[in-house]
Amino acid sequence: VIALMDDEATLKRYYPEPEKDRVRLHPENEKLEDIFVKDCIIQ
């Protein structure tokens, strides 16, 4: 997805984690770590 958060947009795999009240944005590069946000807007 294209996810918008705080006026910043990124292209990542989208994994909602409602039990943790957050969204995990996963990069497809083993050298990089997941991004965790409380919420984001799917564009």
PDB file of all heavy atoms in Angstrom:
ATOM      1  N   VAL A   1       0.819  -1.203   0.000  1.00  0.00           N
ATOM      2  CA  VAL A   1       0.000   0.000   0.000  1.00  0.00           C
ATOM      3  C   VAL A   1       0.858   1.261   0.000  1.00  0.00           C
ATOM      4  O   VAL A   1       2.041   1.232   0.331  1.00  0.00           O
ATOM      5  CB  VAL A   1      -0.932   0.044   1.232  1.00  0.00           C
ATOM      6  CG1 VAL A   1      -1.788  -1.214   1.319  1.00  0.00           C
ATOM      7  CG2 VAL A   1      -0.120   0.235   2.526  1.00  0.00           C
ATOM      8  N   ILE A   2       0.219   2.354  -0.384  1.00  0.00           N
ATOM      9  CA  ILE A   2       0.753   3.681  -0.110  1.00  0.00           C
ATOM     10  C   ILE A   2       0.103   4.123   1.188  1.00  0.00           C
ATOM     11  O   ILE A   2      -1.115   4.292   1.263  1.00  0.00           O
ATOM     12  CB  ILE A   2       0.412   4.675  -1.237  1.00  0.00           C
ATOM     13  CG1 ILE A   2       1.107   4.284  -2.528  1.00  0.00           C
ATOM     14  CG2 ILE A   2       0.824   6.091  -0.824  1.00  0.00           C
ATOM     15  CD1 ILE A   2       2.609   4.399  -2.487  1.00  0.00           C
ATOM     16  N   ALA A   3       0.906   4.258   2.237  1.00  0.00           N
ATOM     17  CA  ALA A   3       0.393   4.631   3.552  1.00  0.00           C
ATOM     18  C   ALA A   3       0.859   6.036   3.888  1.00  0.00           C
ATOM     19  O   ALA A   3       2.051   6.353   3.775  1.00  0.00           O
ATOM     20  CB  ALA A   3       0.888   3.647   4.608  1.00  0.00           C
ATOM     21  N   LEU A   4      -0.074   6.882   4.287  1.00  0.00           N
ATOM     22  CA  LEU A   4       0.225   8.258   4.653  1.00  0.00           C
ATOM     23  C   LEU A   4       0.157   8.396   6.171  1.00  0.00           C
ATOM     24  O   LEU A   4      -0.818   7.997   6.803  1.00  0.00           O
ATOM     25  CB  LEU A   4      -0.770   9.208   3.993  1.00  0.00           C
ATOM     26  CG  LEU A   4      -0.574  10.707   4.234  1.00  0.00           C
ATOM     27  CD1 LEU A   4       0.734  11.173   3.591  1.00  0.00           C
ATOM     28  CD2 LEU A   4      -1.756  11.492   3.682  1.00  0.00           C
ATOM     29  N   MET A   5       1.212   8.963   6.752  1.00  0.00           N
ATOM     30  CA  MET A   5       1.259   9.167   8.199  1.00  0.00           C
ATOM     31  C   MET A   5       2.003  10.453   8.490  1.00  0.00           C
ATOM     32  O   MET A   5       3.158  10.618   8.086  1.00  0.00           O
ATOM     33  CB  MET A   5       1.946   7.977   8.876  1.00  0.00           C
ATOM     34  CG  MET A   5       3.210   7.544   8.191  1.00  0.00           C
ATOM     35  SD  MET A   5       3.810   5.958   8.751  1.00  0.00           S
ATOM     36  CE  MET A   5       5.271   5.822   7.702  1.00  0.00           C
ATOM     37  N   ASP A   6       1.333  11.379   9.161  1.00  0.00           N
ATOM     38  CA  ASP A   6       1.937  12.673   9.495  1.00  0.00           C
ATOM     39  C   ASP A   6       2.544  13.347   8.263  1.00  0.00           C
ATOM     40  O   ASP A   6       3.685  13.830   8.274  1.00  0.00           O
ATOM     41  CB  ASP A   6       3.012  12.501  10.574  1.00  0.00           C
ATOM     42  CG  ASP A   6       2.437  11.963  11.877  1.00  0.00           C
ATOM     43  OD1 ASP A   6       1.278  12.304  12.187  1.00  0.00           O
ATOM     44  OD2 ASP A   6       3.132  11.205  12.560  1.00  0.00           O
ATOM     45  N   ASP A   7       1.796  13.374   7.182  1.00  0.00           N
ATOM     46  CA  ASP A   7       2.226  14.007   5.930  1.00  0.00           C
ATOM     47  C   ASP A   7       3.437  13.334   5.298  1.00  0.00           C
ATOM     48  O   ASP A   7       4.130  13.929   4.471  1.00  0.00           O
ATOM     49  CB  ASP A   7       2.503  15.503   6.132  1.00  0.00           C
ATOM     50  CG  ASP A   7       1.217  16.295   6.306  1.00  0.00           C
ATOM     51  OD1 ASP A   7       0.159  15.818   5.850  1.00  0.00           O
ATOM     52  OD2 ASP A   7       1.270  17.381   6.905  1.00  0.00           O
ATOM     53  N   GLU A   8       3.708  12.112   5.678  1.00  0.00           N
ATOM     54  CA  GLU A   8       4.772  11.339   5.049  1.00  0.00           C
ATOM     55  C   GLU A   8       4.142  10.089   4.440  1.00  0.00           C
ATOM     56  O   GLU A   8       3.293   9.449   5.049  1.00  0.00           O
ATOM     57  CB  GLU A   8       5.842  10.941   6.063  1.00  0.00           C
ATOM     58  CG  GLU A   8       6.607  12.116   6.650  1.00  0.00           C
ATOM     59  CD  GLU A   8       7.678  11.663   7.622  1.00  0.00           C
ATOM     60  OE1 GLU A   8       7.524  10.558   8.187  1.00  0.00           O
ATOM     61  OE2 GLU A   8       8.652  12.392   7.805  1.00  0.00           O
ATOM     62  N   ALA A   9       4.549   9.757   3.239  1.00  0.00           N
ATOM     63  CA  ALA A   9       3.974   8.601   2.563  1.00  0.00           C
ATOM     64  C   ALA A   9       5.061   7.574   2.282  1.00  0.00           C
ATOM     65  O   ALA A   9       6.212   7.924   2.012  1.00  0.00           O
ATOM     66  CB  ALA A   9       3.300   9.017   1.256  1.00  0.00           C
ATOM     67  N   THR A  10       4.689   6.320   2.360  1.00  0.00           N
ATOM     68  CA  THR A  10       5.653   5.259   2.095  1.00  0.00           C
ATOM     69  C   THR A  10       4.961   4.071   1.456  1.00  0.00           C
ATOM     70  O   THR A  10       3.754   3.866   1.628  1.00  0.00           O
ATOM     71  CB  THR A  10       6.366   4.832   3.402  1.00  0.00           C
ATOM     72  OG1 THR A  10       7.431   3.935   3.094  1.00  0.00           O
ATOM     73  CG2 THR A  10       5.403   4.166   4.377  1.00  0.00           C
ATOM     74  N   LEU A  11       5.729   3.300   0.726  1.00  0.00           N
ATOM     75  CA  LEU A  11       5.229   2.106   0.048  1.00  0.00           C
ATOM     76  C   LEU A  11       5.690   0.888   0.839  1.00  0.00           C
ATOM     77  O   LEU A  11       6.885   0.607   0.912  1.00  0.00           O
ATOM     78  CB  LEU A  11       5.789   2.065  -1.377  1.00  0.00           C
ATOM     79  CG  LEU A  11       5.337   0.939  -2.300  1.00  0.00           C
ATOM     80  CD1 LEU A  11       3.863   1.107  -2.652  1.00  0.00           C
ATOM     81  CD2 LEU A  11       6.182   0.919  -3.567  1.00  0.00           C
ATOM     82  N   LYS A  12       4.751   0.166   1.445  1.00  0.00           N
ATOM     83  CA  LYS A  12       5.096  -0.969   2.310  1.00  0.00           C
ATOM     84  C   LYS A  12       3.967  -2.005   2.290  1.00  0.00           C
ATOM     85  O   LYS A  12       2.842  -1.726   1.875  1.00  0.00           O
ATOM     86  CB  LYS A  12       5.296  -0.513   3.761  1.00  0.00           C
ATOM     87  CG  LYS A  12       6.455   0.443   3.986  1.00  0.00           C
ATOM     88  CD  LYS A  12       7.791  -0.220   3.839  1.00  0.00           C
ATOM     89  CE  LYS A  12       8.935   0.748   4.133  1.00  0.00           C
ATOM     90  NZ  LYS A  12       9.058   1.820   3.151  1.00  0.00           N
ATOM     91  N   ARG A  13       4.270  -3.187   2.806  1.00  0.00           N
ATOM     92  CA  ARG A  13       3.209  -4.170   3.045  1.00  0.00           C
ATOM     93  C   ARG A  13       2.462  -3.771   4.313  1.00  0.00           C
ATOM     94  O   ARG A  13       3.054  -3.339   5.295  1.00  0.00           O
ATOM     95  CB  ARG A  13       3.788  -5.573   3.209  1.00  0.00           C
ATOM     96  CG  ARG A  13       4.162  -6.211   1.892  1.00  0.00           C
ATOM     97  CD  ARG A  13       4.179  -7.718   1.978  1.00  0.00           C
ATOM     98  NE  ARG A  13       4.683  -8.307   0.763  1.00  0.00           N
ATOM     99  CZ  ARG A  13       3.955  -8.540  -0.323  1.00  0.00           C
ATOM    100  NH1 ARG A  13       2.670  -8.229  -0.330  1.00  0.00           N
ATOM    101  NH2 ARG A  13       4.505  -9.087  -1.387  1.00  0.00           N
ATOM    102  N   TYR A  14       1.160  -3.979   4.271  1.00  0.00           N
ATOM    103  CA  TYR A  14       0.257  -3.492   5.312  1.00  0.00           C
ATOM    104  C   TYR A  14      -0.207  -4.638   6.203  1.00  0.00           C
ATOM    105  O   TYR A  14      -0.772  -5.617   5.725  1.00  0.00           O
ATOM    106  CB  TYR A  14      -0.939  -2.822   4.634  1.00  0.00           C
ATOM    107  CG  TYR A  14      -2.076  -2.424   5.527  1.00  0.00           C
ATOM    108  CD1 TYR A  14      -1.969  -1.327   6.375  1.00  0.00           C
ATOM    109  CD2 TYR A  14      -3.280  -3.124   5.489  1.00  0.00           C
ATOM    110  CE1 TYR A  14      -3.031  -0.941   7.175  1.00  0.00           C
ATOM    111  CE2 TYR A  14      -4.351  -2.742   6.278  1.00  0.00           C
ATOM    112  CZ  TYR A  14      -4.223  -1.651   7.134  1.00  0.00           C
ATOM    113  OH  TYR A  14      -5.271  -1.278   7.910  1.00  0.00           O
ATOM    114  N   TYR A  15       0.087  -4.502   7.500  1.00  0.00           N
ATOM    115  CA  TYR A  15      -0.342  -5.503   8.478  1.00  0.00           C
ATOM    116  C   TYR A  15      -0.978  -4.810   9.677  1.00  0.00           C
ATOM    117  O   TYR A  15      -0.270  -4.326  10.564  1.00  0.00           O
ATOM    118  CB  TYR A  15       0.836  -6.356   8.949  1.00  0.00           C
ATOM    119  CG  TYR A  15       1.414  -7.254   7.885  1.00  0.00           C
ATOM    120  CD1 TYR A  15       2.580  -6.891   7.209  1.00  0.00           C
ATOM    121  CD2 TYR A  15       0.796  -8.455   7.545  1.00  0.00           C
ATOM    122  CE1 TYR A  15       3.111  -7.707   6.218  1.00  0.00           C
ATOM    123  CE2 TYR A  15       1.319  -9.277   6.560  1.00  0.00           C
ATOM    124  CZ  TYR A  15       2.475  -8.891   5.903  1.00  0.00           C
ATOM    125  OH  TYR A  15       2.997  -9.698   4.918  1.00  0.00           O
ATOM    126  N   PRO A  16      -2.305  -4.733   9.714  1.00  0.00           N
ATOM    127  CA  PRO A  16      -2.947  -4.142  10.893  1.00  0.00           C
ATOM    128  C   PRO A  16      -2.793  -5.072  12.098  1.00  0.00           C
ATOM    129  O   PRO A  16      -2.879  -6.294  11.971  1.00  0.00           O
ATOM    130  CB  PRO A  16      -4.412  -4.022  10.463  1.00  0.00           C
ATOM    131  CG  PRO A  16      -4.586  -5.048   9.389  1.00  0.00           C
ATOM    132  CD  PRO A  16      -3.266  -5.168   8.691  1.00  0.00           C
ATOM    133  N   GLU A  17      -2.535  -4.496  13.276  1.00  0.00           N
ATOM    134  CA  GLU A  17      -2.400  -5.259  14.510  1.00  0.00           C
ATOM    135  C   GLU A  17      -3.325  -4.647  15.557  1.00  0.00           C
ATOM    136  O   GLU A  17      -2.889  -3.955  16.484  1.00  0.00           O
ATOM    137  CB  GLU A  17      -0.946  -5.269  14.977  1.00  0.00           C
ATOM    138  CG  GLU A  17       0.001  -5.941  13.991  1.00  0.00           C
ATOM    139  CD  GLU A  17       1.448  -5.988  14.477  1.00  0.00           C
ATOM    140  OE1 GLU A  17       1.782  -5.287  15.459  1.00  0.00           O
ATOM    141  OE2 GLU A  17       2.244  -6.734  13.881  1.00  0.00           O
ATOM    142  N   PRO A  18      -4.634  -4.865  15.399  1.00  0.00           N
ATOM    143  CA  PRO A  18      -5.605  -4.217  16.302  1.00  0.00           C
ATOM    144  C   PRO A  18      -5.428  -4.608  17.764  1.00  0.00           C
ATOM    145  O   PRO A  18      -5.735  -3.820  18.660  1.00  0.00           O
ATOM    146  CB  PRO A  18      -6.955  -4.695  15.748  1.00  0.00           C
ATOM    147  CG  PRO A  18      -6.648  -5.928  14.958  1.00  0.00           C
ATOM    148  CD  PRO A  18      -5.282  -5.716  14.397  1.00  0.00           C
ATOM    149  N   GLU A  19      -4.931  -5.824  18.009  1.00  0.00           N
ATOM    150  CA  GLU A  19      -4.749  -6.244  19.395  1.00  0.00           C
ATOM    151  C   GLU A  19      -3.670  -5.413  20.098  1.00  0.00           C
ATOM    152  O   GLU A  19      -3.645  -5.323  21.332  1.00  0.00           O
ATOM    153  CB  GLU A  19      -4.388  -7.740  19.456  1.00  0.00           C
ATOM    154  CG  GLU A  19      -2.997  -8.105  18.940  1.00  0.00           C
ATOM    155  CD  GLU A  19      -2.873  -8.129  17.433  1.00  0.00           C
ATOM    156  OE1 GLU A  19      -3.904  -7.901  16.761  1.00  0.00           O
ATOM    157  OE2 GLU A  19      -1.765  -8.395  16.928  1.00  0.00           O
ATOM    158  N   LYS A  20      -2.782  -4.801  19.300  1.00  0.00           N
ATOM    159  CA  LYS A  20      -1.731  -3.941  19.861  1.00  0.00           C
ATOM    160  C   LYS A  20      -2.005  -2.464  19.559  1.00  0.00           C
ATOM    161  O   LYS A  20      -1.168  -1.608  19.840  1.00  0.00           O
ATOM    162  CB  LYS A  20      -0.371  -4.339  19.299  1.00  0.00           C
ATOM    163  CG  LYS A  20       0.054  -5.757  19.679  1.00  0.00           C
ATOM    164  CD  LYS A  20       1.434  -6.093  19.116  1.00  0.00           C
ATOM    165  CE  LYS A  20       1.847  -7.510  19.512  1.00  0.00           C
ATOM    166  NZ  LYS A  20       3.180  -7.866  18.963  1.00  0.00           N
ATOM    167  N   ASP A  21      -3.180  -2.210  18.990  1.00  0.00           N
ATOM    168  CA  ASP A  21      -3.589  -0.854  18.657  1.00  0.00           C
ATOM    169  C   ASP A  21      -2.549  -0.153  17.788  1.00  0.00           C
ATOM    170  O   ASP A  21      -2.143   0.980  18.072  1.00  0.00           O
ATOM    171  CB  ASP A  21      -3.850  -0.047  19.942  1.00  0.00           C
ATOM    172  CG  ASP A  21      -4.590   1.263  19.652  1.00  0.00           C
ATOM    173  OD1 ASP A  21      -5.343   1.295  18.663  1.00  0.00           O
ATOM    174  OD2 ASP A  21      -4.382   2.232  20.390  1.00  0.00           O
ATOM    175  N   ARG A  22      -2.126  -0.838  16.715  1.00  0.00           N
ATOM    176  CA  ARG A  22      -1.125  -0.260  15.836  1.00  0.00           C
ATOM    177  C   ARG A  22      -1.191  -0.915  14.462  1.00  0.00           C
ATOM    178  O   ARG A  22      -1.888  -1.906  14.256  1.00  0.00           O
ATOM    179  CB  ARG A  22       0.275  -0.419  16.422  1.00  0.00           C
ATOM    180  CG  ARG A  22       0.767  -1.861  16.438  1.00  0.00           C
ATOM    181  CD  ARG A  22       2.114  -1.992  17.129  1.00  0.00           C
ATOM    182  NE  ARG A  22       2.648  -3.353  17.001  1.00  0.00           N
ATOM    183  CZ  ARG A  22       3.769  -3.769  17.591  1.00  0.00           C
ATOM    184  NH1 ARG A  22       4.462  -2.934  18.353  1.00  0.00           N
ATOM    185  NH2 ARG A  22       4.191  -5.017  17.413  1.00  0.00           N
ATOM    186  N   VAL A  23      -0.422  -0.355  13.538  1.00  0.00           N
ATOM    187  CA  VAL A  23      -0.283  -0.909  12.193  1.00  0.00           C
ATOM    188  C   VAL A  23       1.201  -1.171  11.957  1.00  0.00           C
ATOM    189  O   VAL A  23       2.048  -0.348  12.288  1.00  0.00           O
ATOM    190  CB  VAL A  23      -0.814   0.076  11.123  1.00  0.00           C
ATOM    191  CG1 VAL A  23      -0.487  -0.422   9.714  1.00  0.00           C
ATOM    192  CG2 VAL A  23      -2.319   0.266  11.278  1.00  0.00           C
ATOM    193  N   ARG A  24       1.492  -2.339  11.391  1.00  0.00           N
ATOM    194  CA  ARG A  24       2.874  -2.665  11.049  1.00  0.00           C
ATOM    195  C   ARG A  24       3.056  -2.511   9.545  1.00  0.00           C
ATOM    196  O   ARG A  24       2.336  -3.121   8.757  1.00  0.00           O
ATOM    197  CB  ARG A  24       3.201  -4.101  11.475  1.00  0.00           C
ATOM    198  CG  ARG A  24       4.612  -4.552  11.086  1.00  0.00           C
ATOM    199  CD  ARG A  24       4.999  -5.843  11.819  1.00  0.00           C
ATOM    200  NE  ARG A  24       4.132  -6.950  11.461  1.00  0.00           N
ATOM    201  CZ  ARG A  24       4.413  -7.841  10.519  1.00  0.00           C
ATOM    202  NH1 ARG A  24       5.527  -7.748   9.805  1.00  0.00           N
ATOM    203  NH2 ARG A  24       3.575  -8.840  10.272  1.00  0.00           N
ATOM    204  N   LEU A  25       4.013  -1.697   9.146  1.00  0.00           N
ATOM    205  CA  LEU A  25       4.347  -1.488   7.744  1.00  0.00           C
ATOM    206  C   LEU A  25       5.668  -2.192   7.481  1.00  0.00           C
ATOM    207  O   LEU A  25       6.704  -1.830   8.040  1.00  0.00           O
ATOM    208  CB  LEU A  25       4.445   0.004   7.440  1.00  0.00           C
ATOM    209  CG  LEU A  25       3.148   0.794   7.674  1.00  0.00           C
ATOM    210  CD1 LEU A  25       3.383   2.286   7.491  1.00  0.00           C
ATOM    211  CD2 LEU A  25       2.026   0.315   6.766  1.00  0.00           C
ATOM    212  N   HIS A  26       5.594  -3.211   6.630  1.00  0.00           N
ATOM    213  CA  HIS A  26       6.724  -4.130   6.465  1.00  0.00           C
ATOM    214  C   HIS A  26       7.478  -3.870   5.160  1.00  0.00           C
ATOM    215  O   HIS A  26       6.904  -3.940   4.067  1.00  0.00           O
ATOM    216  CB  HIS A  26       6.207  -5.567   6.477  1.00  0.00           C
ATOM    217  CG  HIS A  26       7.269  -6.586   6.209  1.00  0.00           C
ATOM    218  ND1 HIS A  26       8.284  -6.853   7.086  1.00  0.00           N
ATOM    219  CD2 HIS A  26       7.460  -7.409   5.137  1.00  0.00           C
ATOM    220  CE1 HIS A  26       9.070  -7.796   6.582  1.00  0.00           C
ATOM    221  NE2 HIS A  26       8.593  -8.147   5.395  1.00  0.00           N
ATOM    222  N   PRO A  27       8.787  -3.590   5.230  1.00  0.00           N
ATOM    223  CA  PRO A  27       9.597  -3.445   4.021  1.00  0.00           C
ATOM    224  C   PRO A  27      10.022  -4.812   3.499  1.00  0.00           C
ATOM    225  O   PRO A  27      10.234  -5.737   4.271  1.00  0.00           O
ATOM    226  CB  PRO A  27      10.812  -2.649   4.507  1.00  0.00           C
ATOM    227  CG  PRO A  27      10.962  -3.063   5.934  1.00  0.00           C
ATOM    228  CD  PRO A  27       9.563  -3.303   6.450  1.00  0.00           C
ATOM    229  N   GLU A  28      10.135  -4.935   2.181  1.00  0.00           N
ATOM    230  CA  GLU A  28      10.613  -6.180   1.578  1.00  0.00           C
ATOM    231  C   GLU A  28      12.112  -6.073   1.331  1.00  0.00           C
ATOM    232  O   GLU A  28      12.595  -6.111   0.209  1.00  0.00           O
ATOM    233  CB  GLU A  28       9.847  -6.468   0.288  1.00  0.00           C
ATOM    234  CG  GLU A  28       8.409  -6.877   0.488  1.00  0.00           C
ATOM    235  CD  GLU A  28       8.252  -8.258   1.103  1.00  0.00           C
ATOM    236  OE1 GLU A  28       9.248  -9.012   1.128  1.00  0.00           O
ATOM    237  OE2 GLU A  28       7.145  -8.582   1.554  1.00  0.00           O
ATOM    238  N   ASN A  29      12.843  -5.887   2.433  1.00  0.00           N
ATOM    239  CA  ASN A  29      14.304  -5.809   2.407  1.00  0.00           C
ATOM    240  C   ASN A  29      14.774  -6.257   3.785  1.00  0.00           C
ATOM    241  O   ASN A  29      14.489  -5.598   4.785  1.00  0.00           O
ATOM    242  CB  ASN A  29      14.769  -4.386   2.094  1.00  0.00           C
ATOM    243  CG  ASN A  29      16.278  -4.266   1.975  1.00  0.00           C
ATOM    244  OD1 ASN A  29      17.018  -5.022   2.588  1.00  0.00           O
ATOM    245  ND2 ASN A  29      16.733  -3.306   1.190  1.00  0.00           N
ATOM    246  N   GLU A  30      15.481  -7.375   3.830  1.00  0.00           N
ATOM    247  CA  GLU A  30      15.863  -7.965   5.109  1.00  0.00           C
ATOM    248  C   GLU A  30      16.793  -7.072   5.923  1.00  0.00           C
ATOM    249  O   GLU A  30      16.969  -7.290   7.127  1.00  0.00           O
ATOM    250  CB  GLU A  30      16.525  -9.328   4.891  1.00  0.00           C
ATOM    251  CG  GLU A  30      17.781  -9.287   4.045  1.00  0.00           C
ATOM    252  CD  GLU A  30      18.352 -10.658   3.761  1.00  0.00           C
ATOM    253  OE1 GLU A  30      17.644 -11.655   4.003  1.00  0.00           O
ATOM    254  OE2 GLU A  30      19.503 -10.728   3.303  1.00  0.00           O
ATOM    255  N   LYS A  31      17.358  -6.065   5.311  1.00  0.00           N
ATOM    256  CA  LYS A  31      18.250  -5.166   6.037  1.00  0.00           C
ATOM    257  C   LYS A  31      17.494  -4.082   6.799  1.00  0.00           C
ATOM    258  O   LYS A  31      18.088  -3.366   7.605  1.00  0.00           O
ATOM    259  CB  LYS A  31      19.232  -4.507   5.058  1.00  0.00           C
ATOM    260  CG  LYS A  31      20.173  -5.475   4.373  1.00  0.00           C
ATOM    261  CD  LYS A  31      21.101  -4.741   3.418  1.00  0.00           C
ATOM    262  CE  LYS A  31      22.048  -5.708   2.720  1.00  0.00           C
ATOM    263  NZ  LYS A  31      22.954  -4.988   1.767  1.00  0.00           N
ATOM    264  N   LEU A  32      16.208  -3.948   6.513  1.00  0.00           N
ATOM    265  CA  LEU A  32      15.409  -2.888   7.119  1.00  0.00           C
ATOM    266  C   LEU A  32      14.391  -3.451   8.093  1.00  0.00           C
ATOM    267  O   LEU A  32      13.941  -4.588   7.953  1.00  0.00           O
ATOM    268  CB  LEU A  32      14.698  -2.071   6.034  1.00  0.00           C
ATOM    269  CG  LEU A  32      15.617  -1.391   5.011  1.00  0.00           C
ATOM    270  CD1 LEU A  32      14.784  -0.697   3.944  1.00  0.00           C
ATOM    271  CD2 LEU A  32      16.547  -0.400   5.686  1.00  0.00           C
ATOM    272  N   GLU A  33      14.016  -2.660   9.072  1.00  0.00           N
ATOM    273  CA  GLU A  33      13.079  -3.081  10.106  1.00  0.00           C
ATOM    274  C   GLU A  33      11.678  -2.581   9.798  1.00  0.00           C
ATOM    275  O   GLU A  33      11.488  -1.615   9.047  1.00  0.00           O
ATOM    276  CB  GLU A  33      13.538  -2.554  11.467  1.00  0.00           C
ATOM    277  CG  GLU A  33      14.873  -3.111  11.928  1.00  0.00           C
ATOM    278  CD  GLU A  33      15.261  -2.606  13.301  1.00  0.00           C
ATOM    279  OE1 GLU A  33      14.550  -1.716  13.831  1.00  0.00           O
ATOM    280  OE2 GLU A  33      16.259  -3.098  13.850  1.00  0.00           O
ATOM    281  N   ASP A  34      10.708  -3.248  10.401  1.00  0.00           N
ATOM    282  CA  ASP A  34       9.326  -2.834  10.256  1.00  0.00           C
ATOM    283  C   ASP A  34       9.117  -1.449  10.858  1.00  0.00           C
ATOM    284  O   ASP A  34       9.837  -1.031  11.787  1.00  0.00           O
ATOM    285  CB  ASP A  34       8.394  -3.822  10.963  1.00  0.00           C
ATOM    286  CG  ASP A  34       8.318  -5.154  10.245  1.00  0.00           C
ATOM    287  OD1 ASP A  34       8.737  -5.228   9.081  1.00  0.00           O
ATOM    288  OD2 ASP A  34       7.840  -6.132  10.862  1.00  0.00           O
ATOM    289  N   ILE A  35       8.118  -0.753  10.329  1.00  0.00           N
ATOM    290  CA  ILE A  35       7.697   0.533  10.869  1.00  0.00           C
ATOM    291  C   ILE A  35       6.375   0.324  11.589  1.00  0.00           C
ATOM    292  O   ILE A  35       5.458  -0.294  11.042  1.00  0.00           O
ATOM    293  CB  ILE A  35       7.527   1.576   9.742  1.00  0.00           C
ATOM    294  CG1 ILE A  35       8.857   1.805   9.024  1.00  0.00           C
ATOM    295  CG2 ILE A  35       6.983   2.888  10.292  1.00  0.00           C
ATOM    296  CD1 ILE A  35       8.723   2.649   7.776  1.00  0.00           C
ATOM    297  N   PHE A  36       6.278   0.815  12.813  1.00  0.00           N
ATOM    298  CA  PHE A  36       5.054   0.683  13.592  1.00  0.00           C
ATOM    299  C   PHE A  36       4.436   2.062  13.795  1.00  0.00           C
ATOM    300  O   PHE A  36       5.116   2.998  14.217  1.00  0.00           O
ATOM    301  CB  PHE A  36       5.334   0.034  14.942  1.00  0.00           C
ATOM    302  CG  PHE A  36       5.860  -1.375  14.828  1.00  0.00           C
ATOM    303  CD1 PHE A  36       7.218  -1.626  14.882  1.00  0.00           C
ATOM    304  CD2 PHE A  36       4.993  -2.446  14.662  1.00  0.00           C
ATOM    305  CE1 PHE A  36       7.714  -2.920  14.770  1.00  0.00           C
ATOM    306  CE2 PHE A  36       5.469  -3.737  14.546  1.00  0.00           C
ATOM    307  CZ  PHE A  36       6.833  -3.975  14.606  1.00  0.00           C
ATOM    308  N   VAL A  37       3.168   2.175  13.457  1.00  0.00           N
ATOM    309  CA  VAL A  37       2.450   3.438  13.650  1.00  0.00           C
ATOM    310  C   VAL A  37       1.118   3.150  14.316  1.00  0.00           C
ATOM    311  O   VAL A  37       0.563   2.057  14.187  1.00  0.00           O
ATOM    312  CB  VAL A  37       2.225   4.170  12.315  1.00  0.00           C
ATOM    313  CG1 VAL A  37       3.537   4.598  11.703  1.00  0.00           C
ATOM    314  CG2 VAL A  37       1.451   3.294  11.331  1.00  0.00           C
ATOM    315  N   LYS A  38       0.630   4.137  15.052  1.00  0.00           N
ATOM    316  CA  LYS A  38      -0.662   3.954  15.707  1.00  0.00           C
ATOM    317  C   LYS A  38      -1.789   3.910  14.691  1.00  0.00           C
ATOM    318  O   LYS A  38      -2.736   3.163  14.822  1.00  0.00           O
ATOM    319  CB  LYS A  38      -0.892   5.088  16.711  1.00  0.00           C
ATOM    320  CG  LYS A  38      -2.177   4.926  17.528  1.00  0.00           C
ATOM    321  CD  LYS A  38      -2.263   5.968  18.601  1.00  0.00           C
ATOM    322  CE  LYS A  38      -3.567   5.828  19.383  1.00  0.00           C
ATOM    323  NZ  LYS A  38      -3.660   4.528  20.065  1.00  0.00           N
ATOM    324  N   ASP A  39      -1.606   4.705  13.652  1.00  0.00           N
ATOM    325  CA  ASP A  39      -2.629   4.739  12.606  1.00  0.00           C
ATOM    326  C   ASP A  39      -2.004   5.302  11.339  1.00  0.00           C
ATOM    327  O   ASP A  39      -0.973   5.977  11.384  1.00  0.00           O
ATOM    328  CB  ASP A  39      -3.815   5.604  13.027  1.00  0.00           C
ATOM    329  CG  ASP A  39      -5.043   5.360  12.170  1.00  0.00           C
ATOM    330  OD1 ASP A  39      -5.053   4.354  11.417  1.00  0.00           O
ATOM    331  OD2 ASP A  39      -5.987   6.171  12.230  1.00  0.00           O
ATOM    332  N   CYS A  40      -2.612   5.017  10.222  1.00  0.00           N
ATOM    333  CA  CYS A  40      -2.157   5.578   8.952  1.00  0.00           C
ATOM    334  C   CYS A  40      -3.342   5.625   7.998  1.00  0.00           C
ATOM    335  O   CYS A  40      -4.350   4.952   8.201  1.00  0.00           O
ATOM    336  CB  CYS A  40      -1.010   4.760   8.361  1.00  0.00           C
ATOM    337  SG  CYS A  40      -1.440   3.064   7.924  1.00  0.00           S
ATOM    338  N   ILE A  41      -3.210   6.423   6.980  1.00  0.00           N
ATOM    339  CA  ILE A  41      -4.255   6.564   5.969  1.00  0.00           C
ATOM    340  C   ILE A  41      -3.818   5.813   4.712  1.00  0.00           C
ATOM    341  O   ILE A  41      -2.739   6.074   4.171  1.00  0.00           O
ATOM    342  CB  ILE A  41      -4.501   8.046   5.630  1.00  0.00           C
ATOM    343  CG1 ILE A  41      -4.973   8.798   6.885  1.00  0.00           C
ATOM    344  CG2 ILE A  41      -5.522   8.180   4.509  1.00  0.00           C
ATOM    345  CD1 ILE A  41      -5.060  10.295   6.692  1.00  0.00           C
ATOM    346  N   ILE A  42      -4.633   4.877   4.282  1.00  0.00           N
ATOM    347  CA  ILE A  42      -4.356   4.144   3.053  1.00  0.00           C
ATOM    348  C   ILE A  42      -4.786   4.996   1.868  1.00  0.00           C
ATOM    349  O   ILE A  42      -5.931   5.426   1.784  1.00  0.00           O
ATOM    350  CB  ILE A  42      -5.092   2.790   3.022  1.00  0.00           C
ATOM    351  CG1 ILE A  42      -4.737   1.947   4.245  1.00  0.00           C
ATOM    352  CG2 ILE A  42      -4.780   2.041   1.732  1.00  0.00           C
ATOM    353  CD1 ILE A  42      -3.266   1.614   4.339  1.00  0.00           C
ATOM    354  N   GLN A  43      -3.857   5.253   0.964  1.00  0.00           N
ATOM    355  CA  GLN A  43      -4.174   6.051  -0.220  1.00  0.00           C
ATOM    356  C   GLN A  43      -4.378   5.194  -1.459  1.00  0.00           C
ATOM    357  O   GLN A  43      -4.946   5.643  -2.441  1.00  0.00           O
ATOM    358  CB  GLN A  43      -3.054   7.056  -0.476  1.00  0.00           C
ATOM    359  CG  GLN A  43      -2.916   8.101   0.619  1.00  0.00           C
ATOM    360  CD  GLN A  43      -1.907   9.163   0.257  1.00  0.00           C
ATOM    361  OE1 GLN A  43      -0.787   8.848  -0.128  1.00  0.00           O
ATOM    362  NE2 GLN A  43      -2.284  10.417   0.383  1.00  0.00           N
TER     363      GLN A  43
END
